[in-house]
Amino acid sequence: MKRKMWIFISIISLAISLVGCTIKPTSTSLTTVTNSTTVKATSTLPPVSVPAAVSGIETTLESIYNRVNPSVVLIQVTLTPSITNPGGGALGSGFVWDNKGDIVTNNHVIDGASSITVTFYDGTTVDANVVGADADSDLAVIKVNPSGLQLQPVTVADSTEVHVGQLAVAIGNPYGLENTMTVGFVSAIGRLVSANQNPTGSYSIPDIIQIDTPINPGNSGGVLLDDTGSVIGVTQSIATSSGSSSGVGFAIPSVIIQQVVPSLIDTGHYDHPYLGLTLTSLDPNIANAMNLPSGQRGALVVGVAPGGPSDKAGIKAGSTSFTDNGQQVTIGGDVIITYGDQTVKSSDDLITYLTNSGSVGQSVTLTVLRSGKQIQVQVTLGLRPSS
């Protein structure tokens, strides 16, 4: 795996592009192809019996769809023209969070919207407004007037219990085709996906769930469900070279949703904890160059934000340039090996621990290797610079 560089988030370099699953309406139509030739059936083969296992899966999927589909909505936005956006409209998905009219979706679905409408499964269409949005987790909450609506909030599961190979069901509006369910499996966990670019650095979302469940433009903001019909994630993006599903999709995990959404509803924003470091994962080549055991692992500090939390705490970056697998890396800095009582084996680990258990103002103990010796450093987490 190629090493990732972080400013408290990684920039993922892919040979393919990562595309958010929001779609702008087009005039594309669907064509039904029929066969004009009539063939008389002559086969006398016996009817095919459906195995009990297959029948059970079908029953489960039907139950999931019937229960959760009323919670999933189509979101249509009118975009405000800007330098980076010519205006027009876009489509995405969302889901009912509570009985008060709060609906969760991706930030990139509603970003730049001048007006928003929400269409429910029964065709009811109402206006909505933005309650809160967070670009760095790519989550947003919009609100509709609940009066007269039969809102059916989703049930949320614990995404930390998700495992590779389990059923992954998506419901959303790919290409504006409402109330579409697709089925697949969790193909990987613990991914990091870039969420947002801003002048202070690039931030990523940790613990992303990777799926082979087909999702396409228009699925953004929809639900990813387990076999009980509970939400384990929000479908967010796909890795593709064609603009459509290639079997690699990504969903924001419910553990992050449950952290961010209540804050968006209460305050309109979410405060991300911040260390102010640029990191890379320590590999055998770098370890050897730093006279460390080749098996040593950790998060190598390659840069410290001046005046940031880690700078104030005394965390040190290196100054020696080293070529590792064709990439220039600054070595010689501190190597972070624990965050609190959690072992850090890579920069990915540190990002995940910070996101899942850190909070602004919290004091955390980092164990670092400095010139081959272990020392402990107390750092007070700051507020991540605004997007």
Protein backbone atom coordinates (compact mmCIF):
# COMPACT_ATOMS: atom_id res chain seq x y z
CA MET A 1 0.00 0.00 0.00
CA LYS A 2 1.33 3.44 -0.86
CA ARG A 3 2.11 5.64 2.10
CA LYS A 4 -0.35 8.49 2.69
CA MET A 5 0.59 12.00 3.78
CA TRP A 6 -1.64 13.66 6.36
CA ILE A 7 -2.39 17.12 7.71
CA PHE A 8 -4.76 15.44 10.05
CA ILE A 9 -6.23 13.77 7.15
CA SER A 10 -4.88 11.92 4.13
CA ILE A 11 -4.91 12.69 0.44
CA ILE A 12 -5.77 9.46 -1.33
CA SER A 13 -3.97 9.05 -4.65
CA LEU A 14 -5.92 6.79 -6.95
CA ALA A 15 -5.36 5.97 -10.57
CA ILE A 16 -9.11 6.29 -10.79
CA SER A 17 -11.27 9.15 -9.62
CA LEU A 18 -13.38 9.27 -6.49
CA VAL A 19 -16.82 10.53 -7.37
CA GLY A 20 -19.51 11.66 -4.97
CA CYS A 21 -22.83 10.06 -5.79
CA THR A 22 -24.79 13.21 -6.58
CA ILE A 23 -26.24 13.71 -10.04
CA LYS A 24 -27.28 16.74 -12.04
CA PRO A 25 -30.50 16.13 -13.96
CA THR A 26 -30.09 15.33 -17.65
CA SER A 27 -32.39 14.56 -20.53
CA THR A 28 -31.23 10.93 -20.72
CA SER A 29 -34.14 8.54 -21.21
CA LEU A 30 -34.45 4.81 -20.60
CA THR A 31 -35.36 2.58 -23.52
CA THR A 32 -37.12 -0.74 -23.16
CA VAL A 33 -36.00 -3.32 -25.69
CA THR A 34 -38.51 -6.01 -26.67
CA ASN A 35 -38.16 -9.08 -28.87
CA SER A 36 -40.62 -9.05 -31.75
CA THR A 37 -40.17 -12.76 -32.50
CA THR A 38 -42.59 -15.19 -30.87
CA VAL A 39 -41.16 -18.58 -30.01
CA LYS A 40 -43.43 -21.42 -28.97
CA ALA A 41 -42.23 -23.15 -25.84
CA THR A 42 -41.79 -26.87 -26.29
CA SER A 43 -39.77 -27.73 -23.19
CA THR A 44 -41.27 -30.15 -20.71
CA LEU A 45 -38.62 -29.54 -18.03
CA PRO A 46 -39.95 -29.77 -14.46
CA PRO A 47 -40.37 -26.50 -12.54
CA VAL A 48 -37.28 -25.29 -10.71
CA SER A 49 -37.53 -25.47 -6.94
CA VAL A 50 -36.14 -22.51 -5.00
CA PRO A 51 -33.73 -23.54 -2.23
CA ALA A 52 -34.85 -22.61 1.25
CA ALA A 53 -31.70 -20.48 1.73
CA VAL A 54 -32.49 -18.38 -1.36
CA SER A 55 -36.10 -18.01 -0.31
CA GLY A 56 -34.95 -16.87 3.11
CA ILE A 57 -32.68 -14.19 1.63
CA GLU A 58 -35.49 -12.94 -0.59
CA THR A 59 -37.82 -12.72 2.39
CA THR A 60 -35.19 -10.80 4.37
CA LEU A 61 -34.58 -8.31 1.56
CA GLU A 62 -38.30 -7.75 0.98
CA SER A 63 -38.73 -7.10 4.69
CA ILE A 64 -35.82 -4.64 4.76
CA TYR A 65 -37.17 -2.72 1.77
CA ASN A 66 -40.73 -2.54 3.06
CA ARG A 67 -39.58 -1.31 6.45
CA VAL A 68 -36.87 1.19 5.46
CA ASN A 69 -37.98 2.53 2.07
CA PRO A 70 -40.53 4.91 3.68
CA SER A 71 -37.62 6.51 5.56
CA VAL A 72 -35.58 7.28 2.42
CA VAL A 73 -36.20 10.48 0.45
CA LEU A 74 -35.23 12.06 -2.85
CA ILE A 75 -33.52 15.44 -2.44
CA GLN A 76 -33.60 17.96 -5.29
CA VAL A 77 -31.64 21.19 -5.02
CA THR A 78 -31.35 24.38 -7.01
CA LEU A 79 -27.74 25.51 -6.99
CA THR A 80 -26.67 29.10 -6.56
CA PRO A 81 -24.38 30.15 -9.44
CA SER A 82 -20.79 30.83 -8.39
CA ILE A 83 -17.27 30.91 -9.79
CA THR A 84 -16.91 27.16 -9.27
CA ASN A 85 -20.52 26.24 -9.97
CA PRO A 86 -22.56 27.34 -13.00
CA GLY A 87 -25.80 26.77 -11.12
CA GLY A 88 -28.61 24.51 -12.25
CA GLY A 89 -29.84 21.61 -10.15
CA ALA A 90 -28.72 18.35 -8.57
CA LEU A 91 -30.26 15.19 -7.14
CA GLY A 92 -29.34 13.11 -4.12
CA SER A 93 -30.77 10.99 -1.35
CA GLY A 94 -31.43 11.35 2.37
CA PHE A 95 -33.20 9.63 5.24
CA VAL A 96 -35.51 10.55 8.11
CA TRP A 97 -33.60 10.94 11.36
CA ASP A 98 -36.40 11.80 13.81
CA ASN A 99 -40.05 12.76 14.09
CA LYS A 100 -39.20 16.47 14.20
CA GLY A 101 -38.53 16.67 10.45
CA ASP A 102 -34.74 16.31 10.52
CA ILE A 103 -33.31 14.53 7.47
CA VAL A 104 -29.68 13.39 7.10
CA THR A 105 -27.78 13.56 3.82
CA ASN A 106 -24.29 14.28 2.50
CA ASN A 107 -22.95 17.82 2.66
CA HIS A 108 -21.99 17.66 -1.02
CA VAL A 109 -25.65 17.00 -1.91
CA ILE A 110 -26.85 20.33 -0.53
CA ASP A 111 -23.70 22.44 -0.70
CA GLY A 112 -24.42 25.67 -2.57
CA ALA A 113 -28.19 25.11 -2.66
CA SER A 114 -30.49 28.10 -2.92
CA SER A 115 -33.59 25.92 -2.51
CA ILE A 116 -34.25 22.30 -1.51
CA THR A 117 -37.24 20.01 -2.00
CA VAL A 118 -37.75 16.57 -0.49
CA THR A 119 -39.89 13.86 -2.05
CA PHE A 120 -41.06 10.95 0.10
CA TYR A 121 -41.72 7.39 -1.09
CA ASP A 122 -45.44 8.10 -1.49
CA GLY A 123 -44.82 11.08 -3.79
CA THR A 124 -45.35 13.78 -1.17
CA THR A 125 -43.04 16.71 -1.95
CA VAL A 126 -42.19 19.48 0.53
CA ASP A 127 -39.64 22.25 0.88
CA ALA A 128 -36.66 21.91 3.21
CA ASN A 129 -33.97 24.15 4.67
CA VAL A 130 -30.47 23.47 5.94
CA VAL A 131 -30.13 23.02 9.70
CA GLY A 132 -26.41 22.29 9.79
CA ALA A 133 -23.60 21.03 7.60
CA ASP A 134 -20.06 19.74 8.07
CA ALA A 135 -17.84 19.53 5.01
CA ASP A 136 -15.10 17.57 6.80
CA SER A 137 -17.39 14.63 7.58
CA ASP A 138 -19.48 15.24 4.44
CA LEU A 139 -22.68 15.20 6.48
CA ALA A 140 -25.59 17.61 6.60
CA VAL A 141 -29.02 17.88 8.18
CA ILE A 142 -31.98 19.48 6.44
CA LYS A 143 -35.41 20.00 7.94
CA VAL A 144 -38.97 19.74 6.69
CA ASN A 145 -42.16 20.84 8.44
CA PRO A 146 -43.36 17.58 10.06
CA SER A 147 -46.98 18.70 10.18
CA GLY A 148 -49.19 16.29 8.27
CA LEU A 149 -46.29 13.94 7.42
CA GLN A 150 -46.03 10.35 8.60
CA LEU A 151 -42.32 10.38 9.30
CA GLN A 152 -40.60 7.04 9.88
CA PRO A 153 -37.13 7.51 11.41
CA VAL A 154 -34.43 4.93 10.72
CA THR A 155 -32.83 2.65 13.29
CA VAL A 156 -29.06 3.09 13.60
CA ALA A 157 -26.67 0.19 14.24
CA ASP A 158 -23.12 0.21 15.61
CA SER A 159 -20.74 0.31 12.64
CA THR A 160 -17.81 -0.79 14.81
CA GLU A 161 -19.42 -4.24 14.70
CA VAL A 162 -19.45 -4.34 10.88
CA HIS A 163 -17.28 -7.06 9.35
CA VAL A 164 -16.11 -7.96 5.87
CA GLY A 165 -18.47 -10.36 4.13
CA GLN A 166 -21.70 -9.23 5.77
CA LEU A 167 -24.74 -8.19 3.76
CA ALA A 168 -24.80 -4.53 2.69
CA VAL A 169 -28.08 -3.13 1.34
CA ALA A 170 -28.36 0.36 -0.17
CA ILE A 171 -31.58 2.29 -0.76
CA GLY A 172 -31.48 5.59 -2.64
CA ASN A 173 -32.18 7.35 -5.91
CA PRO A 174 -29.45 6.49 -8.45
CA TYR A 175 -29.77 8.69 -11.54
CA GLY A 176 -32.98 10.02 -9.99
CA LEU A 177 -34.62 6.57 -10.12
CA GLU A 178 -36.51 6.78 -6.86
CA ASN A 179 -36.77 4.09 -4.21
CA THR A 180 -34.08 1.83 -5.66
CA MET A 181 -32.59 -0.98 -3.57
CA THR A 182 -29.29 -2.65 -4.43
CA VAL A 183 -27.59 -5.50 -2.61
CA GLY A 184 -24.01 -6.56 -2.05
CA PHE A 185 -21.47 -7.16 0.67
CA VAL A 186 -19.01 -5.28 2.83
CA SER A 187 -15.72 -5.71 0.98
CA ALA A 188 -13.38 -3.83 3.36
CA ILE A 189 -13.47 -1.72 6.50
CA GLY A 190 -11.27 1.00 7.95
CA ARG A 191 -10.72 2.94 4.74
CA LEU A 192 -10.03 6.67 4.70
CA VAL A 193 -11.66 8.84 2.05
CA SER A 194 -10.96 12.48 1.34
CA ALA A 195 -13.84 14.67 2.45
CA ASN A 196 -12.89 18.24 1.72
CA GLN A 197 -10.15 20.56 0.55
CA ASN A 198 -9.47 23.82 2.38
CA PRO A 199 -6.64 26.35 2.67
CA THR A 200 -5.33 24.79 5.90
CA GLY A 201 -4.97 21.26 4.58
CA SER A 202 -6.79 18.18 3.35
CA TYR A 203 -8.99 16.22 5.70
CA SER A 204 -10.32 12.69 5.43
CA ILE A 205 -13.03 10.58 6.97
CA PRO A 206 -11.77 7.47 8.81
CA ASP A 207 -13.40 4.07 9.34
CA ILE A 208 -15.09 4.24 5.92
CA ILE A 209 -17.00 1.10 4.93
CA GLN A 210 -16.10 -0.21 1.47
CA ILE A 211 -18.85 -2.13 -0.36
CA ASP A 212 -19.44 -3.90 -3.65
CA THR A 213 -23.11 -2.95 -3.43
CA PRO A 214 -23.88 -0.99 -6.63
CA ILE A 215 -24.25 2.73 -5.91
CA ASN A 216 -24.27 5.46 -8.53
CA PRO A 217 -24.72 9.22 -8.88
CA GLY A 218 -27.92 10.05 -7.00
CA ASN A 219 -27.21 7.54 -4.18
CA SER A 220 -25.28 10.13 -2.15
CA GLY A 221 -26.87 10.61 1.26
CA GLY A 222 -28.82 7.36 1.11
CA VAL A 223 -28.74 4.52 3.61
CA LEU A 224 -26.45 1.52 3.86
CA LEU A 225 -28.17 -1.19 5.88
CA ASP A 226 -27.31 -4.45 7.59
CA ASP A 227 -29.45 -7.59 7.46
CA THR A 228 -31.76 -6.23 10.16
CA GLY A 229 -32.53 -3.08 8.17
CA SER A 230 -30.53 -0.87 10.55
CA VAL A 231 -28.30 1.92 9.22
CA ILE A 232 -24.58 1.12 9.30
CA GLY A 233 -23.57 3.98 7.01
CA VAL A 234 -24.43 6.77 4.59
CA THR A 235 -23.55 6.04 0.97
CA GLN A 236 -21.10 8.73 -0.08
CA SER A 237 -18.90 8.04 -3.10
CA ILE A 238 -17.55 5.54 -5.60
CA ALA A 239 -14.13 4.79 -7.04
CA THR A 240 -14.62 4.84 -10.78
CA SER A 241 -13.04 5.67 -14.10
CA SER A 242 -16.41 5.80 -15.91
CA GLY A 243 -18.58 7.85 -13.56
CA SER A 244 -20.75 4.85 -12.65
CA SER A 245 -20.43 1.93 -10.27
CA SER A 246 -17.36 -0.26 -10.71
CA GLY A 247 -17.97 -2.39 -7.64
CA VAL A 248 -16.07 -0.15 -5.21
CA GLY A 249 -18.30 2.12 -3.17
CA PHE A 250 -17.82 3.93 0.14
CA ALA A 251 -20.12 4.75 3.04
CA ILE A 252 -19.61 7.02 6.05
CA PRO A 253 -19.89 4.79 9.15
CA SER A 254 -22.71 5.18 11.63
CA VAL A 255 -20.25 5.78 14.49
CA ILE A 256 -19.37 9.12 12.85
CA ILE A 257 -22.98 9.86 11.93
CA GLN A 258 -24.01 9.48 15.57
CA GLN A 259 -21.25 11.85 16.66
CA VAL A 260 -21.84 14.57 14.09
CA VAL A 261 -25.59 14.65 13.41
CA PRO A 262 -26.81 15.54 16.94
CA SER A 263 -24.35 18.46 16.98
CA LEU A 264 -25.54 19.66 13.58
CA ILE A 265 -29.12 19.60 14.82
CA ASP A 266 -28.30 21.40 18.08
CA THR A 267 -25.70 23.95 16.93
CA GLY A 268 -25.52 23.84 13.13
CA HIS A 269 -21.88 22.76 13.14
CA TYR A 270 -19.47 20.12 14.47
CA ASP A 271 -16.16 20.84 16.22
CA HIS A 272 -13.43 18.46 15.04
CA PRO A 273 -10.47 17.82 17.36
CA TYR A 274 -7.09 18.85 15.98
CA LEU A 275 -3.44 17.96 16.64
CA GLY A 276 -1.82 20.04 13.91
CA LEU A 277 0.50 17.44 12.44
CA THR A 278 1.58 16.19 9.04
CA LEU A 279 2.16 12.45 9.28
CA THR A 280 3.14 9.39 7.36
CA SER A 281 3.27 5.73 8.34
CA LEU A 282 6.62 4.34 9.44
CA ASP A 283 7.69 1.51 7.13
CA PRO A 284 10.81 -0.74 7.23
CA ASN A 285 12.79 1.49 4.84
CA ILE A 286 12.21 4.61 6.92
CA ALA A 287 12.77 2.70 10.16
CA ASN A 288 16.16 1.49 8.96
CA ALA A 289 17.09 4.99 7.79
CA MET A 290 16.28 6.26 11.29
CA ASN A 291 18.27 3.46 12.97
CA LEU A 292 15.10 1.90 14.35
CA PRO A 293 14.21 -1.82 14.26
CA SER A 294 12.80 -2.70 10.82
CA GLY A 295 9.69 -4.04 12.51
CA GLN A 296 8.96 -0.80 14.32
CA ARG A 297 5.61 0.74 13.40
CA GLY A 298 3.98 4.06 14.18
CA ALA A 299 3.02 7.48 12.79
CA LEU A 300 6.06 9.52 11.78
CA VAL A 301 5.78 13.28 12.28
CA VAL A 302 6.96 15.03 9.11
CA GLY A 303 5.49 18.45 9.87
CA VAL A 304 4.13 20.44 12.81
CA ALA A 305 1.70 23.34 12.35
CA PRO A 306 3.28 26.45 13.93
CA GLY A 307 1.38 27.47 17.03
CA GLY A 308 -0.82 24.35 16.87
CA PRO A 309 -1.56 21.97 19.75
CA SER A 310 1.36 19.64 19.02
CA ASP A 311 3.77 22.53 18.52
CA LYS A 312 2.82 23.92 21.92
CA ALA A 313 3.29 20.47 23.47
CA GLY A 314 6.77 20.07 22.01
CA ILE A 315 6.21 17.43 19.33
CA LYS A 316 9.15 17.48 16.90
CA ALA A 317 9.29 17.04 13.12
CA GLY A 318 12.37 15.86 11.25
CA SER A 319 14.56 17.74 8.78
CA THR A 320 16.32 15.01 6.79
CA SER A 321 15.10 14.26 3.27
CA PHE A 322 14.84 10.58 2.37
CA THR A 323 13.67 8.84 -0.79
CA ASP A 324 11.32 5.96 0.00
CA ASN A 325 9.99 3.99 -2.96
CA GLY A 326 10.47 7.00 -5.21
CA GLN A 327 8.82 9.47 -2.83
CA GLN A 328 10.56 12.20 -0.87
CA VAL A 329 9.89 11.95 2.86
CA THR A 330 11.17 14.08 5.72
CA ILE A 331 12.51 11.75 8.39
CA GLY A 332 14.09 12.09 11.82
CA GLY A 333 11.01 13.38 13.61
CA ASP A 334 9.05 11.91 16.49
CA VAL A 335 7.33 8.58 15.89
CA ILE A 336 3.96 8.38 17.67
CA ILE A 337 3.37 4.82 18.93
CA THR A 338 0.42 5.26 21.30
CA TYR A 339 -2.55 7.63 21.58
CA GLY A 340 -3.75 7.35 25.15
CA ASP A 341 -3.81 3.60 25.76
CA GLN A 342 -4.33 2.73 22.07
CA THR A 343 -1.44 1.40 19.99
CA VAL A 344 -0.64 3.42 16.88
CA LYS A 345 0.75 1.32 14.03
CA SER A 346 0.15 3.81 11.22
CA SER A 347 -0.98 7.34 10.51
CA ASP A 348 -4.41 5.86 9.67
CA ASP A 349 -4.68 4.55 13.24
CA LEU A 350 -3.95 7.96 14.72
CA ILE A 351 -6.55 9.67 12.53
CA THR A 352 -9.16 7.10 13.53
CA TYR A 353 -8.46 7.37 17.26
CA LEU A 354 -8.51 11.18 17.13
CA THR A 355 -11.82 11.23 15.25
CA ASN A 356 -13.60 8.56 17.28
CA SER A 357 -12.45 9.38 20.80
CA GLY A 358 -10.94 12.88 20.73
CA SER A 359 -12.70 16.12 21.62
CA VAL A 360 -11.72 19.77 21.58
CA GLY A 361 -10.02 20.75 24.84
CA GLN A 362 -9.26 17.15 25.83
CA SER A 363 -5.79 16.35 27.14
CA VAL A 364 -4.28 13.22 25.63
CA THR A 365 -1.00 11.42 26.25
CA LEU A 366 1.09 10.55 23.21
CA THR A 367 3.94 8.08 23.54
CA VAL A 368 6.63 8.94 21.00
CA LEU A 369 10.00 7.60 19.95
CA ARG A 370 12.54 10.42 19.86
CA SER A 371 16.10 9.48 18.88
CA GLY A 372 15.20 5.88 19.69
CA LYS A 373 13.95 6.61 23.22
CA GLN A 374 10.34 6.53 24.43
CA ILE A 375 8.93 9.69 25.98
CA GLN A 376 5.40 10.76 26.83
CA VAL A 377 3.96 14.08 25.73
CA GLN A 378 0.73 15.68 26.94
CA VAL A 379 -1.21 17.44 24.19
CA THR A 380 -4.39 19.48 24.59
CA LEU A 381 -6.49 18.96 21.48
CA GLY A 382 -7.44 22.11 19.62
CA LEU A 383 -10.24 23.02 17.23
CA ARG A 384 -9.60 22.04 13.64
CA PRO A 385 -9.21 25.14 11.43
CA SER A 386 -12.47 25.96 9.71
CA SER A 387 -13.23 24.83 6.19
